[in-house]
Amino acid sequence: MPWPRFVAMLLVLVMSSCTFDWDSAGPDVGDDTDAVVDSDADTDADADTDTDSDADADADADGDADADADADADSDADADPCGDLNCDGLPDLVLVGSYDGADYGVDVRVFLSTADARVLDAAVRLDAGATSAAASADLDQDGYPDLVLATDRRGSDFAVDAYVYWGGPSGYGGADGASDRLALPTQGASALLVRDLDGDGLLDVAFAHRRASSGDYGTDSRVYWGSGLSARVAGYRVELPTEGASALAAGDLDGDGQLDLAFASERQASGGLGSTSVIYWGGQGVNHFDASVRTEVDCKAATDVAIADVDGDGRQDLVLANRQRSNGNYRTDSEIFWGDGTRSFTSGTPTELATEGASALTLADLDGDGDLEILIAQFEDNQGPMGSSQLFVQTGARSFTATELLVDGGHRPAVADLDGDGAPDIVFPSERDRSAISSQSWVFWGDPAAPGSYSDGEALTGIHGATGVTIGDVDADGHLDLCFAEGYGPGGEETSVSTVLRGDGLGGFPSADRLELDTVNPVSPPLLVGASTP
């Protein structure tokens, strides 16, 4: 066993325990679509609220990698001291920040609930640099949720620390929230995943790394093992070579009972458009992953990846959202590689889904037949921000029918039954059209009489420059609410407000019940902690 990991494990026993300017040329239309996270803030690309990527309706609704209802990583269903960030039993909301119009390095905003569940307190600000993603889990197994922040950059420096802010009975550390945190060295982290990857009962944290400070996109992504994190030290880590990694997902692709890790690659090491994503196979001894035990997968500037049993045959499949061909053409195909229980499944012919400028994907069973549909957000085409996204309904074994959903500059959609009619509804955040920042996002209502069929959307007005959405019961009234991250104000300014639309359970979002939160250029969906989610 490597010495650093041995020390970390010994400590555990002793203690008993996104406008991103990727090209450094100032913010541009395409920059903010590169940091891909998930719609339900659970660090995978499916439509459920756990930290796996199988898009199933399992019992892990608290995102802690077990099947009980508490916030730790064991399975004893004990009563944790705390399930939210300030331990008042009410949901809290976290929004990342990236660029303030002058610098990359905006504080993360944490909005804490109050005695009045319909009011969120002024934000606690946590330093983390330009942050691409956030996740919450009890890493140190003390019963209090911790906050994990993935940092893309500080100014022009991409070799920066991500952070774990440790939760406790009174929240985070000192008044500034910075006195009780762990730094995790990263390189341009674009996404993160929290899960017990090696099966030791401890939660691990994996980062997708997109870019080094040298400008090279060929930088190793990293997994920090729970053997150290549970003792509040960085502990042992494994480095996995990737190129321009934009997203990651975990799942058992080869059916050996071990979790594998897939990275979507949007860039080549030299900076060109990515042509090869990569799978690292789990179960490789004490490190679980080995840099040499991998399979490369053809892609076209992949922005997102999901692992799920799409066709319901009991085997995990790999889905890639592809943004752009090597010649710069945004009209390309996203792909499904069908799993066969072996490591050679990617050598088969994938199913191609016609997309343009795909920025993210969400998987969900929208027609109730037991297999999965695929929603793909499209941000731009060859003329600029795109005017539509795509829904692919599975109409037969591995056969799909496409439906165009009219959304300008779309980001990752979220899925839930918002009006209580038994049919899932789709919420699409809209950032911009070809000429201006969007002033509305969209909900597409499901029809119980026509499962999987979606007509024209209903505009949710007054939502500007939306870069993400999360669905959950923010005010604990039993009805689902919509939490939008608004990366831009009406005039394109980065300092703006993000909006919570409170639902009435019947599909309505009364304007009088809107909640506006001061934020600065959030580039990923809000993170809800302690809320009931779909």
Protein backbone atom coordinates (compact mmCIF):
# COMPACT_ATOMS: atom_id res chain seq x y z
CA MET A 1 0.00 0.00 0.00
CA PRO A 2 1.43 3.44 -0.92
CA TRP A 3 2.75 5.21 2.17
CA PRO A 4 0.57 8.39 1.87
CA ARG A 5 -2.58 6.34 1.70
CA PHE A 6 -1.49 4.17 4.64
CA VAL A 7 -0.94 7.31 6.73
CA ALA A 8 -4.34 8.68 5.72
CA MET A 9 -6.08 5.41 6.62
CA LEU A 10 -4.25 5.31 9.95
CA LEU A 11 -5.50 8.81 10.70
CA VAL A 12 -9.05 7.67 10.03
CA LEU A 13 -8.69 4.93 12.64
CA VAL A 14 -7.12 7.25 15.17
CA MET A 15 -9.83 9.86 14.73
CA SER A 16 -12.69 7.35 14.59
CA SER A 17 -14.23 8.66 11.99
CA CYS A 18 -19.95 29.56 -15.97
CA THR A 19 -18.96 32.81 -18.06
CA PHE A 20 -15.70 30.95 -18.26
CA ASP A 21 -13.13 32.57 -20.46
CA TRP A 22 -11.40 29.39 -21.55
CA ASP A 23 -9.30 31.18 -24.13
CA SER A 24 -8.19 34.04 -21.82
CA ALA A 25 -9.52 36.55 -24.32
CA GLY A 26 -12.36 37.92 -22.25
CA PRO A 27 -15.84 36.43 -21.94
CA ASP A 28 -17.34 35.22 -25.20
CA VAL A 29 -20.53 33.49 -26.26
CA GLY A 30 -19.18 29.97 -26.15
CA ASP A 31 -17.08 30.20 -23.00
CA ASP A 32 -19.82 29.75 -20.44
CA THR A 33 -21.14 26.47 -21.87
CA ASP A 34 -18.01 24.52 -21.09
CA ALA A 35 -18.37 23.80 -17.40
CA VAL A 36 -20.97 21.08 -17.40
CA VAL A 37 -22.69 19.96 -14.25
CA ASP A 38 -26.00 18.29 -13.59
CA SER A 39 -29.43 19.66 -13.32
CA ASP A 40 -30.27 18.29 -9.90
CA ALA A 41 -26.95 19.17 -8.26
CA ASP A 42 -26.06 15.57 -7.50
CA THR A 43 -22.85 15.41 -9.57
CA ASP A 44 -24.07 13.07 -12.26
CA ALA A 45 -25.94 13.48 -15.52
CA ASP A 46 -29.14 11.64 -14.79
CA ALA A 47 -32.53 12.86 -13.65
CA ASP A 48 -32.55 11.44 -10.14
CA THR A 49 -31.07 12.97 -7.02
CA ASP A 50 -28.36 10.51 -6.07
CA THR A 51 -24.66 10.52 -6.85
CA ASP A 52 -24.63 7.62 -9.25
CA SER A 53 -25.15 7.83 -12.99
CA ASP A 54 -27.65 5.09 -13.68
CA ALA A 55 -30.71 7.34 -13.91
CA ASP A 56 -32.67 4.83 -11.85
CA ALA A 57 -35.31 5.48 -9.26
CA ASP A 58 -33.34 4.19 -6.33
CA ALA A 59 -33.60 4.91 -2.64
CA ASP A 60 -30.56 7.16 -2.36
CA ALA A 61 -32.37 10.47 -2.33
CA ASP A 62 -29.89 12.25 -0.11
CA GLY A 63 -26.87 12.00 -2.37
CA ASP A 64 -24.66 10.20 0.13
CA ALA A 65 -24.01 7.00 -1.86
CA ASP A 66 -26.03 4.72 0.40
CA ALA A 67 -29.68 3.70 0.43
CA ASP A 68 -30.82 5.14 3.74
CA ALA A 69 -32.38 8.50 4.50
CA ASP A 70 -29.54 10.06 6.43
CA ALA A 71 -26.63 12.17 5.23
CA ASP A 72 -23.73 9.84 5.92
CA ALA A 73 -22.15 7.12 3.84
CA ASP A 74 -23.16 4.13 5.94
CA SER A 75 -26.40 2.19 5.71
CA ASP A 76 -27.65 2.12 9.27
CA ALA A 77 -30.42 4.70 8.75
CA ASP A 78 -29.44 6.45 11.96
CA ALA A 79 -30.60 9.94 12.81
CA ASP A 80 -27.95 12.40 11.76
CA PRO A 81 -27.55 15.57 13.82
CA CYS A 82 -28.05 17.72 10.74
CA GLY A 83 -29.26 17.46 7.15
CA ASP A 84 -28.87 21.06 6.02
CA LEU A 85 -26.12 23.66 6.25
CA ASN A 86 -27.19 25.55 9.38
CA CYS A 87 -28.94 22.67 11.13
CA ASP A 88 -32.37 24.27 11.39
CA GLY A 89 -34.12 21.51 9.48
CA LEU A 90 -34.93 23.79 6.54
CA PRO A 91 -33.37 23.82 3.06
CA ASP A 92 -30.40 26.00 2.12
CA LEU A 93 -29.23 27.15 -1.31
CA VAL A 94 -25.71 27.47 -2.75
CA LEU A 95 -24.82 29.39 -5.92
CA VAL A 96 -21.32 29.47 -7.34
CA GLY A 97 -19.72 32.55 -8.90
CA SER A 98 -17.23 32.99 -11.72
CA TYR A 99 -16.54 36.40 -13.32
CA ASP A 100 -17.53 39.83 -11.99
CA GLY A 101 -16.73 41.79 -15.12
CA ALA A 102 -13.17 42.47 -14.05
CA ASP A 103 -11.71 39.33 -12.52
CA TYR A 104 -12.17 35.57 -12.27
CA GLY A 105 -12.51 34.96 -8.55
CA VAL A 106 -16.01 35.52 -7.17
CA ASP A 107 -17.14 34.27 -3.76
CA VAL A 108 -19.63 31.42 -3.59
CA ARG A 109 -22.94 32.57 -2.10
CA VAL A 110 -24.64 30.41 0.54
CA PHE A 111 -28.24 31.40 1.29
CA LEU A 112 -29.38 29.97 4.62
CA SER A 113 -32.98 29.34 5.60
CA THR A 114 -34.61 31.29 8.41
CA ALA A 115 -37.43 30.65 10.87
CA ASP A 116 -39.73 31.78 8.08
CA ALA A 117 -39.15 29.03 5.52
CA ARG A 118 -40.20 31.41 2.75
CA VAL A 119 -37.22 33.71 3.38
CA LEU A 120 -33.55 32.96 2.79
CA ASP A 121 -30.97 34.88 4.82
CA ALA A 122 -28.36 37.17 3.29
CA ALA A 123 -25.62 35.12 1.72
CA VAL A 124 -22.65 33.73 3.57
CA ARG A 125 -19.71 34.22 1.21
CA LEU A 126 -17.12 31.49 0.80
CA ASP A 127 -13.84 32.13 -0.97
CA ALA A 128 -13.03 29.61 -3.70
CA GLY A 129 -12.02 31.54 -6.84
CA ALA A 130 -13.99 31.22 -10.06
CA THR A 131 -16.10 28.21 -9.15
CA SER A 132 -17.55 25.77 -11.67
CA ALA A 133 -19.54 23.38 -9.47
CA ALA A 134 -20.65 22.61 -5.91
CA ALA A 135 -21.69 19.43 -4.10
CA SER A 136 -22.67 18.54 -0.55
CA ALA A 137 -21.96 15.31 1.34
CA ASP A 138 -20.77 14.19 4.77
CA LEU A 139 -17.16 13.40 3.87
CA ASP A 140 -15.80 13.16 7.43
CA GLN A 141 -18.77 11.11 8.70
CA ASP A 142 -19.54 13.40 11.63
CA GLY A 143 -23.21 13.70 10.68
CA TYR A 144 -22.97 17.21 9.26
CA PRO A 145 -23.01 17.96 5.51
CA ASP A 146 -19.80 19.37 4.09
CA LEU A 147 -19.56 21.60 1.04
CA VAL A 148 -17.24 20.73 -1.88
CA LEU A 149 -16.37 23.48 -4.37
CA ALA A 150 -14.64 22.93 -7.72
CA THR A 151 -12.49 25.90 -8.75
CA ASP A 152 -11.74 26.61 -12.38
CA ARG A 153 -9.29 29.51 -11.97
CA ARG A 154 -8.17 32.59 -10.08
CA GLY A 155 -7.45 35.36 -12.54
CA SER A 156 -5.28 33.75 -15.21
CA ASP A 157 -4.04 30.95 -12.94
CA PHE A 158 -5.63 27.53 -13.44
CA ALA A 159 -3.37 25.69 -10.94
CA VAL A 160 -5.61 26.49 -7.99
CA ASP A 161 -7.14 24.80 -4.97
CA ALA A 162 -10.62 23.41 -4.77
CA TYR A 163 -12.05 23.40 -1.25
CA VAL A 164 -13.99 21.31 1.22
CA TYR A 165 -15.75 23.50 3.78
CA TRP A 166 -16.42 21.33 6.81
CA GLY A 167 -19.90 21.40 8.27
CA GLY A 168 -20.61 21.41 12.00
CA PRO A 169 -23.26 22.22 14.61
CA SER A 170 -23.01 25.95 13.88
CA GLY A 171 -22.25 25.85 10.18
CA TYR A 172 -18.89 26.60 8.64
CA GLY A 173 -15.92 27.60 10.80
CA GLY A 174 -15.55 31.28 11.64
CA ALA A 175 -17.57 34.29 10.64
CA ASP A 176 -15.89 34.44 7.25
CA GLY A 177 -16.44 30.74 6.68
CA ALA A 178 -12.77 30.23 5.87
CA SER A 179 -11.29 28.95 9.13
CA ASP A 180 -12.36 25.33 8.75
CA ARG A 181 -11.67 24.16 5.23
CA LEU A 182 -9.44 21.72 3.36
CA ALA A 183 -7.59 22.72 0.18
CA LEU A 184 -7.43 20.17 -2.64
CA PRO A 185 -4.95 21.12 -5.41
CA THR A 186 -6.59 21.06 -8.85
CA GLN A 187 -5.96 22.24 -12.43
CA GLY A 188 -8.83 24.11 -14.00
CA ALA A 189 -11.55 21.92 -12.46
CA SER A 190 -14.65 21.95 -14.67
CA ALA A 191 -16.78 19.39 -12.82
CA LEU A 192 -16.79 17.22 -9.70
CA LEU A 193 -18.32 13.97 -8.50
CA VAL A 194 -18.76 12.73 -4.92
CA ARG A 195 -19.17 8.98 -4.53
CA ASP A 196 -17.64 5.91 -2.90
CA LEU A 197 -15.72 4.89 -6.00
CA ASP A 198 -13.57 2.12 -4.50
CA GLY A 199 -16.19 0.48 -2.28
CA ASP A 200 -14.46 1.07 1.06
CA GLY A 201 -17.46 2.77 2.66
CA LEU A 202 -15.91 6.25 2.45
CA LEU A 203 -16.92 8.98 0.03
CA ASP A 204 -14.32 10.01 -2.55
CA VAL A 205 -14.15 13.23 -4.58
CA ALA A 206 -13.23 13.21 -8.29
CA PHE A 207 -12.46 16.32 -10.33
CA ALA A 208 -12.48 16.69 -14.12
CA HIS A 209 -9.57 18.96 -15.06
CA ARG A 210 -9.87 21.02 -18.18
CA ARG A 211 -6.80 23.23 -18.41
CA ALA A 212 -3.41 23.95 -16.84
CA SER A 213 -1.97 27.44 -16.30
CA SER A 214 0.52 26.78 -19.09
CA GLY A 215 -2.40 26.82 -21.51
CA ASP A 216 -2.05 23.08 -22.08
CA TYR A 217 -5.32 21.13 -22.02
CA GLY A 218 -3.51 17.86 -21.39
CA THR A 219 -3.61 17.87 -17.60
CA ASP A 220 -4.38 14.97 -15.26
CA SER A 221 -7.79 14.77 -13.63
CA ARG A 222 -7.77 13.62 -9.99
CA VAL A 223 -9.53 11.43 -7.46
CA TYR A 224 -9.08 12.24 -3.76
CA TRP A 225 -9.76 9.15 -1.68
CA GLY A 226 -12.08 9.13 1.30
CA SER A 227 -9.40 7.46 3.42
CA GLY A 228 -7.90 10.91 3.76
CA LEU A 229 -10.98 13.08 3.41
CA SER A 230 -12.71 11.29 6.27
CA ALA A 231 -9.80 12.39 8.48
CA ARG A 232 -9.97 15.95 7.11
CA VAL A 233 -6.69 15.66 5.24
CA ALA A 234 -6.09 15.58 1.50
CA GLY A 235 -4.61 12.11 1.86
CA TYR A 236 -3.87 9.89 -1.09
CA ARG A 237 -4.95 10.77 -4.60
CA VAL A 238 -4.71 9.17 -8.01
CA GLU A 239 -4.04 11.16 -11.18
CA LEU A 240 -5.67 10.12 -14.44
CA PRO A 241 -4.49 11.65 -17.75
CA THR A 242 -7.25 13.51 -19.59
CA GLU A 243 -7.44 16.17 -22.29
CA GLY A 244 -9.71 19.16 -21.85
CA ALA A 245 -12.07 17.23 -19.56
CA SER A 246 -15.46 18.93 -19.35
CA ALA A 247 -17.51 16.38 -17.39
CA LEU A 248 -17.30 12.99 -15.68
CA ALA A 249 -19.59 10.12 -14.67
CA ALA A 250 -19.25 6.88 -12.71
CA GLY A 251 -20.87 3.49 -13.29
CA ASP A 252 -20.12 -0.19 -13.79
CA LEU A 253 -19.71 -0.33 -17.56
CA ASP A 254 -18.12 -3.78 -17.82
CA GLY A 255 -20.32 -5.57 -15.27
CA ASP A 256 -17.49 -6.63 -12.96
CA GLY A 257 -19.00 -5.06 -9.84
CA GLN A 258 -16.44 -2.24 -9.79
CA LEU A 259 -17.18 1.39 -10.57
CA ASP A 260 -15.55 2.81 -13.68
CA LEU A 261 -14.96 6.50 -14.39
CA ALA A 262 -15.64 8.20 -17.73
CA PHE A 263 -14.42 11.66 -18.74
CA ALA A 264 -15.83 13.77 -21.59
CA SER A 265 -13.08 15.59 -23.49
CA GLU A 266 -13.90 18.87 -25.21
CA ARG A 267 -10.33 19.83 -26.09
CA GLN A 268 -7.16 18.11 -27.22
CA ALA A 269 -3.98 18.72 -25.26
CA SER A 270 -2.86 21.20 -27.91
CA GLY A 271 -6.09 23.17 -27.64
CA GLY A 272 -7.83 21.76 -30.71
CA LEU A 273 -11.33 20.34 -30.48
CA GLY A 274 -11.44 17.08 -28.54
CA SER A 275 -11.62 13.83 -30.49
CA THR A 276 -11.12 11.25 -27.74
CA SER A 277 -12.92 10.81 -24.42
CA VAL A 278 -11.69 8.17 -21.97
CA ILE A 279 -12.91 5.44 -19.59
CA TYR A 280 -10.79 4.35 -16.61
CA TRP A 281 -11.66 0.85 -15.46
CA GLY A 282 -12.16 0.29 -11.74
CA GLY A 283 -10.85 -2.51 -9.56
CA GLN A 284 -7.14 -2.03 -10.33
CA GLY A 285 -5.66 -2.91 -6.95
CA VAL A 286 -5.16 -0.55 -4.04
CA ASN A 287 -5.50 2.57 -6.21
CA HIS A 288 -8.73 1.26 -7.82
CA PHE A 289 -7.80 3.10 -11.04
CA ASP A 290 -4.61 2.74 -13.08
CA ALA A 291 -3.56 5.34 -15.65
CA SER A 292 -2.65 2.55 -18.08
CA VAL A 293 -5.91 0.60 -17.77
CA ARG A 294 -8.20 2.72 -19.91
CA THR A 295 -10.22 2.75 -23.11
CA GLU A 296 -10.41 5.71 -25.45
CA VAL A 297 -13.75 6.59 -27.04
CA ASP A 298 -14.17 8.66 -30.19
CA CYS A 299 -16.00 11.93 -29.65
CA LYS A 300 -16.53 15.35 -31.22
CA ALA A 301 -15.67 17.98 -28.59
CA ALA A 302 -17.73 16.21 -25.90
CA THR A 303 -19.28 18.53 -23.34
CA ASP A 304 -21.11 15.98 -21.21
CA VAL A 305 -21.19 12.27 -20.39
CA ALA A 306 -23.64 9.94 -18.66
CA ILE A 307 -23.55 6.28 -17.66
CA ALA A 308 -26.97 4.64 -17.50
CA ASP A 309 -28.96 1.61 -18.63
CA VAL A 310 -30.68 3.51 -21.42
CA ASP A 311 -32.45 0.58 -23.12
CA GLY A 312 -33.35 -1.40 -20.00
CA ASP A 313 -31.32 -4.52 -20.84
CA GLY A 314 -29.54 -4.58 -17.49
CA ARG A 315 -26.24 -3.28 -18.85
CA GLN A 316 -24.83 0.20 -18.44
CA ASP A 317 -24.46 2.35 -21.56
CA LEU A 318 -22.31 5.40 -22.28
CA VAL A 319 -23.88 8.62 -23.62
CA LEU A 320 -21.79 11.52 -24.95
CA ALA A 321 -23.08 15.00 -25.79
CA ASN A 322 -20.90 16.24 -28.67
CA ARG A 323 -20.60 19.93 -29.37
CA GLN A 324 -18.60 20.45 -32.54
CA ARG A 325 -16.81 18.67 -35.39
CA SER A 326 -13.07 19.00 -35.88
CA ASN A 327 -13.67 21.42 -38.78
CA GLY A 328 -15.59 23.76 -36.47
CA ASN A 329 -19.06 22.75 -37.67
CA TYR A 330 -21.55 22.68 -34.79
CA ARG A 331 -23.88 20.36 -36.73
CA THR A 332 -22.76 16.96 -35.49
CA ASP A 333 -24.06 13.88 -33.69
CA SER A 334 -24.19 13.03 -30.03
CA GLU A 335 -23.71 9.31 -29.38
CA ILE A 336 -24.84 6.29 -27.37
CA PHE A 337 -22.37 3.42 -26.96
CA TRP A 338 -24.41 0.37 -25.99
CA GLY A 339 -22.97 -1.67 -23.13
CA ASP A 340 -22.55 -5.43 -23.52
CA GLY A 341 -20.93 -6.23 -20.16
CA THR A 342 -17.39 -6.14 -21.56
CA ARG A 343 -14.68 -3.51 -21.96
CA SER A 344 -14.82 -3.67 -25.74
CA PHE A 345 -18.36 -2.34 -26.14
CA THR A 346 -17.15 1.03 -27.45
CA SER A 347 -15.74 -0.68 -30.55
CA GLY A 348 -19.29 -1.28 -31.78
CA THR A 349 -21.27 1.16 -33.89
CA PRO A 350 -22.86 3.82 -31.68
CA THR A 351 -26.36 5.16 -32.12
CA GLU A 352 -26.07 8.72 -33.41
CA LEU A 353 -28.43 11.47 -32.31
CA ALA A 354 -28.46 14.54 -34.57
CA THR A 355 -27.56 17.61 -32.49
CA GLU A 356 -25.96 21.03 -32.91
CA GLY A 357 -23.68 22.62 -30.33
CA ALA A 358 -24.75 20.26 -27.54
CA SER A 359 -23.93 21.67 -24.10
CA ALA A 360 -25.44 19.15 -21.66
CA LEU A 361 -27.70 16.12 -21.38
CA THR A 362 -30.30 14.79 -18.96
CA LEU A 363 -31.71 11.24 -18.92
CA ALA A 364 -35.20 10.42 -17.66
CA ASP A 365 -38.09 8.03 -18.30
CA LEU A 366 -40.55 10.55 -19.70
CA ASP A 367 -43.14 8.16 -21.14
CA GLY A 368 -43.29 5.66 -18.27
CA ASP A 369 -42.24 2.60 -20.26
CA GLY A 370 -39.19 1.76 -18.17
CA ASP A 371 -36.49 2.85 -20.58
CA LEU A 372 -34.88 6.27 -20.79
CA GLU A 373 -35.37 9.32 -22.94
CA ILE A 374 -32.51 11.70 -23.67
CA LEU A 375 -32.76 15.48 -23.40
CA ILE A 376 -29.89 17.36 -25.01
CA ALA A 377 -29.43 21.08 -24.46
CA GLN A 378 -28.11 22.91 -27.51
CA PHE A 379 -26.34 26.20 -26.89
CA GLU A 380 -25.17 27.34 -30.30
CA ASP A 381 -25.02 26.53 -34.00
CA ASN A 382 -22.88 27.90 -36.81
CA GLN A 383 -24.58 31.31 -36.62
CA GLY A 384 -24.46 31.83 -32.86
CA PRO A 385 -26.68 30.94 -29.88
CA MET A 386 -29.07 28.16 -30.84
CA GLY A 387 -32.86 28.53 -30.92
CA SER A 388 -33.80 24.97 -29.97
CA SER A 389 -32.84 21.89 -27.99
CA GLN A 390 -33.68 18.23 -28.56
CA LEU A 391 -35.76 15.52 -26.90
CA PHE A 392 -35.10 11.96 -28.07
CA VAL A 393 -37.97 9.65 -27.09
CA GLN A 394 -37.15 5.94 -27.14
CA THR A 395 -39.91 4.41 -29.26
CA GLY A 396 -38.44 0.92 -29.50
CA ALA A 397 -35.33 -0.99 -28.58
CA ARG A 398 -32.51 1.47 -29.24
CA SER A 399 -34.71 3.49 -31.58
CA PHE A 400 -35.46 7.18 -31.00
CA THR A 401 -37.80 9.84 -32.34
CA ALA A 402 -36.57 13.44 -32.10
CA THR A 403 -38.70 16.36 -30.92
CA GLU A 404 -37.44 19.92 -31.21
CA LEU A 405 -38.02 22.06 -28.12
CA LEU A 406 -37.80 25.80 -28.80
CA VAL A 407 -35.30 27.18 -26.29
CA ASP A 408 -32.72 29.90 -26.98
CA GLY A 409 -29.18 29.13 -25.84
CA GLY A 410 -30.19 26.14 -23.73
CA HIS A 411 -28.45 24.73 -20.67
CA ARG A 412 -29.03 21.46 -18.80
CA PRO A 413 -32.76 20.78 -18.29
CA ALA A 414 -34.37 19.44 -15.13
CA VAL A 415 -37.31 17.02 -14.94
CA ALA A 416 -40.10 16.64 -12.34
CA ASP A 417 -43.89 16.46 -12.07
CA LEU A 418 -44.58 20.10 -11.23
CA ASP A 419 -48.38 20.12 -11.52
CA GLY A 420 -49.19 16.80 -9.86
CA ASP A 421 -50.82 15.17 -12.89
CA GLY A 422 -48.48 12.17 -12.89
CA ALA A 423 -46.59 13.18 -16.04
CA PRO A 424 -43.02 14.50 -15.81
CA ASP A 425 -42.47 18.09 -16.90
CA ILE A 426 -39.29 19.57 -18.38
CA VAL A 427 -37.70 22.88 -17.34
CA PHE A 428 -35.12 24.41 -19.68
CA PRO A 429 -32.91 27.35 -18.65
CA SER A 430 -32.31 29.80 -21.51
CA GLU A 431 -29.24 32.05 -21.53
CA ARG A 432 -29.38 34.08 -24.74
CA ASP A 433 -30.63 34.31 -28.29
CA ARG A 434 -28.64 35.47 -31.30
CA SER A 435 -28.77 39.13 -30.34
CA ALA A 436 -29.38 39.54 -26.61
CA ILE A 437 -29.58 37.97 -23.18
CA SER A 438 -32.73 35.91 -22.81
CA SER A 439 -35.43 37.27 -20.50
CA GLN A 440 -37.27 33.98 -20.03
CA SER A 441 -36.79 30.28 -19.49
CA TRP A 442 -39.23 27.52 -20.39
CA VAL A 443 -41.35 24.73 -18.96
CA PHE A 444 -42.68 21.97 -21.22
CA TRP A 445 -45.70 20.29 -19.65
CA GLY A 446 -46.11 16.54 -19.77
CA ASP A 447 -49.46 15.10 -20.84
CA PRO A 448 -50.75 12.01 -18.98
CA ALA A 449 -52.89 11.19 -22.03
CA ALA A 450 -49.87 11.26 -24.36
CA PRO A 451 -46.81 10.09 -22.41
CA GLY A 452 -43.53 11.36 -23.82
CA SER A 453 -45.25 13.98 -25.98
CA TYR A 454 -44.38 17.63 -25.40
CA SER A 455 -45.86 20.59 -27.27
CA ASP A 456 -44.85 24.24 -27.20
CA GLY A 457 -43.36 25.41 -23.94
CA GLU A 458 -44.69 27.98 -21.49
CA ALA A 459 -42.42 30.97 -20.93
CA LEU A 460 -41.23 31.70 -17.41
CA THR A 461 -40.70 35.43 -17.78
CA GLY A 462 -38.32 37.62 -15.84
CA ILE A 463 -35.57 34.99 -15.76
CA HIS A 464 -32.48 36.56 -17.35
CA GLY A 465 -29.43 34.83 -18.75
CA ALA A 466 -30.20 31.50 -17.05
CA THR A 467 -27.27 29.09 -16.88
CA GLY A 468 -28.87 26.38 -14.75
CA VAL A 469 -31.97 25.24 -12.88
CA THR A 470 -32.59 22.95 -9.91
CA ILE A 471 -35.98 21.64 -8.81
CA GLY A 472 -36.75 21.14 -5.12
CA ASP A 473 -38.99 22.20 -2.25
CA VAL A 474 -37.10 25.31 -1.12
CA ASP A 475 -39.70 26.62 1.33
CA ALA A 476 -40.69 23.20 2.76
CA ASP A 477 -44.38 23.65 1.90
CA GLY A 478 -44.70 20.32 0.10
CA HIS A 479 -44.61 21.85 -3.40
CA LEU A 480 -41.71 21.82 -5.83
CA ASP A 481 -40.01 25.12 -6.63
CA LEU A 482 -37.69 26.19 -9.46
CA CYS A 483 -34.28 27.58 -8.52
CA PHE A 484 -32.54 29.37 -11.39
CA ALA A 485 -28.91 30.38 -11.67
CA GLU A 486 -28.91 33.58 -13.72
CA GLY A 487 -25.42 34.18 -15.06
CA TYR A 488 -26.25 37.54 -16.63
CA GLY A 489 -28.51 40.50 -16.09
CA PRO A 490 -30.74 41.99 -18.80
CA GLY A 491 -27.89 44.00 -20.28
CA GLY A 492 -25.32 41.23 -20.12
CA GLU A 493 -23.84 42.33 -16.80
CA GLU A 494 -22.38 39.57 -14.61
CA THR A 495 -23.65 41.06 -11.33
CA SER A 496 -27.32 40.24 -11.22
CA VAL A 497 -29.95 38.32 -9.29
CA SER A 498 -30.93 34.67 -9.41
CA THR A 499 -34.57 33.75 -8.94
CA VAL A 500 -36.54 31.13 -7.03
CA LEU A 501 -40.03 30.52 -8.44
CA ARG A 502 -42.18 29.05 -5.69
CA GLY A 503 -44.59 26.43 -6.95
CA ASP A 504 -48.17 25.96 -5.84
CA GLY A 505 -48.24 22.24 -6.69
CA LEU A 506 -50.68 22.82 -9.56
CA GLY A 507 -48.23 24.13 -12.12
CA GLY A 508 -48.43 27.75 -11.04
CA PHE A 509 -45.60 30.01 -9.89
CA PRO A 510 -47.25 33.15 -8.46
CA SER A 511 -45.25 36.30 -9.17
CA ALA A 512 -45.85 37.53 -5.63
CA ASP A 513 -43.99 34.51 -4.31
CA ARG A 514 -40.78 35.04 -6.28
CA LEU A 515 -37.55 35.24 -4.35
CA GLU A 516 -34.60 37.15 -5.81
CA LEU A 517 -31.06 36.46 -4.59
CA ASP A 518 -28.01 38.63 -5.25
CA THR A 519 -25.47 36.56 -7.22
CA VAL A 520 -22.47 37.13 -9.50
CA ASN A 521 -22.21 35.10 -12.70
CA PRO A 522 -23.22 31.63 -11.48
CA VAL A 523 -22.37 29.17 -14.26
CA SER A 524 -23.92 25.94 -12.96
CA PRO A 525 -27.25 24.89 -11.41
CA PRO A 526 -27.92 25.92 -7.81
CA LEU A 527 -27.18 23.36 -5.11
CA LEU A 528 -30.04 22.64 -2.71
CA VAL A 529 -29.05 21.13 0.63
CA GLY A 530 -31.67 19.62 2.92
CA ALA A 531 -34.57 20.03 0.47
CA SER A 532 -37.03 17.47 -0.78
CA THR A 533 -36.17 16.92 -4.45
CA PRO A 534 -37.84 14.90 -7.23
